[in-house]
């Protein structure tokens, strides 16, 4: 092979061009995840309110605690729904929601860790709901990163 002929060896192959940044997410991405968070949180809150007695027995929690959490979660869901209804949810508000979601997950897991007795249902439910809340936070933060 002549010395001037290029070869197809990796050393002679041009490096691929850097990937172009993906399309910026529309504000609909943040709105969508806020709306889904509102539905899940509100549903959870309403269940805690309506069934605080039976759920308290199942989860090993006081009925008053679940009723209080139900009220809080229902109110929080209304705030999430109001943010989701905005054309462009304010960035600081979405960051706050993501931070509160992460705090909720950490506090949930800490609660499970410090409990001296826990029902099987609570041992399954608490990490499961914490994982869902962390997922909401991650998607909310990702939507902000891609937002123009």
Protein backbone atom coordinates (compact mmCIF):
# COMPACT_ATOMS: atom_id res chain seq x y z
CA UNK A 1 0.00 0.00 0.00
CA UNK A 2 1.45 3.39 -0.90
CA UNK A 3 2.52 5.61 1.99
CA UNK A 4 0.09 8.40 0.99
CA UNK A 5 -3.03 6.21 1.02
CA UNK A 6 -5.16 6.76 4.12
CA UNK A 7 -6.15 3.68 6.02
CA UNK A 8 -9.29 2.96 7.94
CA UNK A 9 -7.47 2.36 11.18
CA UNK A 10 -8.92 4.00 14.32
CA UNK A 11 -5.94 6.36 14.48
CA UNK A 12 -6.84 7.79 11.07
CA UNK A 13 -10.60 7.95 11.57
CA UNK A 14 -11.80 11.43 12.42
CA UNK A 15 -13.37 11.80 15.85
CA UNK A 16 -17.13 11.99 15.76
CA UNK A 17 -18.58 15.44 16.10
CA UNK A 18 -19.84 16.22 19.58
CA UNK A 19 -23.50 15.50 19.97
CA UNK A 20 -25.70 18.49 19.55
CA UNK A 21 -27.61 19.40 22.66
CA UNK A 22 -31.04 17.87 22.80
CA UNK A 23 -34.05 20.01 22.23
CA UNK A 24 -34.94 22.21 25.12
CA UNK A 25 -37.87 20.85 27.04
CA UNK A 26 -40.96 22.92 26.74
CA UNK A 27 -42.54 24.28 29.90
CA UNK A 28 -45.02 21.44 29.39
CA UNK A 29 -42.42 19.01 30.80
CA UNK A 30 -42.30 20.82 34.15
CA UNK A 31 -46.06 21.34 34.09
CA UNK A 32 -46.69 17.68 33.32
CA UNK A 33 -44.58 16.33 36.15
CA UNK A 34 -46.06 18.89 38.56
CA UNK A 35 -49.56 17.81 37.50
CA UNK A 36 -48.74 14.12 37.96
CA UNK A 37 -47.16 14.88 41.33
CA UNK A 38 -50.35 16.75 42.30
CA UNK A 39 -52.57 13.80 41.32
CA UNK A 40 -50.46 11.22 43.17
CA UNK A 41 -49.97 13.43 46.24
CA UNK A 42 -53.62 14.44 46.34
CA UNK A 43 -54.78 10.86 45.94
CA UNK A 44 -52.49 9.77 48.75
CA UNK A 45 -53.72 12.62 50.95
CA UNK A 46 -57.37 11.82 50.30
CA UNK A 47 -56.79 8.14 51.06
CA UNK A 48 -55.09 9.06 54.34
CA UNK A 49 -58.06 11.27 55.22
CA UNK A 50 -60.78 8.84 54.21
CA UNK A 51 -59.18 5.68 55.57
CA UNK A 52 -56.95 6.91 58.39
CA UNK A 53 -58.28 4.25 60.78
CA UNK A 54 -57.74 1.13 58.65
CA UNK A 55 -54.53 2.50 57.10
CA UNK A 56 -53.27 3.38 60.56
CA UNK A 57 -53.72 -0.22 61.66
CA UNK A 58 -52.11 -1.53 58.48
CA UNK A 59 -49.13 0.83 58.68
CA UNK A 60 -48.82 0.88 62.45
CA UNK A 61 -49.48 4.63 62.63
CA UNK A 62 -51.88 6.65 64.75
CA UNK A 63 -55.10 7.66 63.06
CA UNK A 64 -54.54 11.30 64.02
CA UNK A 65 -51.11 11.25 62.36
CA UNK A 66 -52.51 9.91 59.10
CA UNK A 67 -55.40 12.40 59.19
CA UNK A 68 -52.91 15.25 59.67
CA UNK A 69 -50.71 13.96 56.88
CA UNK A 70 -53.79 13.61 54.69
CA UNK A 71 -54.74 17.24 55.24
CA UNK A 72 -51.19 18.39 54.58
CA UNK A 73 -50.80 16.29 51.44
CA UNK A 74 -54.17 17.38 50.06
CA UNK A 75 -53.29 21.05 50.56
CA UNK A 76 -49.83 20.53 49.07
CA UNK A 77 -51.42 18.83 46.06
CA UNK A 78 -53.58 21.91 45.48
CA UNK A 79 -50.43 24.06 45.44
CA UNK A 80 -48.82 21.65 42.96
CA UNK A 81 -51.93 21.77 40.77
CA UNK A 82 -51.88 25.58 40.82
CA UNK A 83 -48.23 25.56 39.72
CA UNK A 84 -48.97 23.01 36.99
CA UNK A 85 -51.79 25.21 35.70
CA UNK A 86 -49.41 28.10 35.05
CA UNK A 87 -48.14 28.57 31.52
CA UNK A 88 -44.55 28.66 32.80
CA UNK A 89 -44.18 27.49 36.39
CA UNK A 90 -41.59 29.73 38.07
CA UNK A 91 -38.18 28.10 38.28
CA UNK A 92 -37.74 28.87 42.02
CA UNK A 93 -41.11 27.27 42.75
CA UNK A 94 -40.22 24.08 40.83
CA UNK A 95 -36.85 23.96 42.61
CA UNK A 96 -38.64 24.32 45.93
CA UNK A 97 -41.04 21.50 45.05
CA UNK A 98 -38.15 19.23 44.05
CA UNK A 99 -36.34 20.08 47.30
CA UNK A 100 -39.44 19.40 49.37
CA UNK A 101 -39.91 16.09 47.59
CA UNK A 102 -36.34 15.08 48.42
CA UNK A 103 -36.79 16.18 52.04
CA UNK A 104 -40.03 14.16 52.27
CA UNK A 105 -38.25 11.05 51.00
CA UNK A 106 -35.36 11.44 53.45
CA UNK A 107 -37.69 12.06 56.40
CA UNK A 108 -39.81 9.06 55.40
CA UNK A 109 -36.80 6.77 55.38
CA UNK A 110 -35.49 8.21 58.64
CA UNK A 111 -38.88 7.60 60.22
CA UNK A 112 -38.74 3.98 59.16
CA UNK A 113 -35.16 3.64 60.41
CA UNK A 114 -35.88 4.97 63.91
CA UNK A 115 -39.13 3.11 64.49
CA UNK A 116 -38.68 0.36 67.04
CA UNK A 117 -41.54 -1.67 65.57
CA UNK A 118 -42.82 -1.59 62.05
CA UNK A 119 -45.49 -3.53 60.23
CA UNK A 120 -44.63 -5.37 57.05
CA UNK A 121 -46.89 -3.01 55.15
CA UNK A 122 -45.02 0.03 56.49
CA UNK A 123 -41.67 -1.58 55.69
CA UNK A 124 -42.81 -1.93 52.08
CA UNK A 125 -44.92 1.25 51.73
CA UNK A 126 -42.51 3.81 53.17
CA UNK A 127 -39.55 3.07 50.86
CA UNK A 128 -41.88 2.65 47.89
CA UNK A 129 -43.52 6.04 48.33
CA UNK A 130 -40.12 7.60 49.06
CA UNK A 131 -38.79 6.21 45.77
CA UNK A 132 -41.75 7.66 43.85
CA UNK A 133 -41.22 11.06 45.46
CA UNK A 134 -37.49 10.99 44.62
CA UNK A 135 -38.40 10.14 41.04
CA UNK A 136 -40.69 13.16 40.89
CA UNK A 137 -37.87 15.36 42.20
CA UNK A 138 -35.37 14.02 39.67
CA UNK A 139 -37.76 14.53 36.75
CA UNK A 140 -38.67 18.03 37.99
CA UNK A 141 -35.00 18.99 38.17
CA UNK A 142 -34.34 17.47 34.75
CA UNK A 143 -37.22 19.47 33.27
CA UNK A 144 -35.65 22.65 34.66
CA UNK A 145 -32.22 21.81 33.27
CA UNK A 146 -33.63 21.44 29.79
CA UNK A 147 -35.84 24.50 30.01
CA UNK A 148 -34.74 27.49 27.95
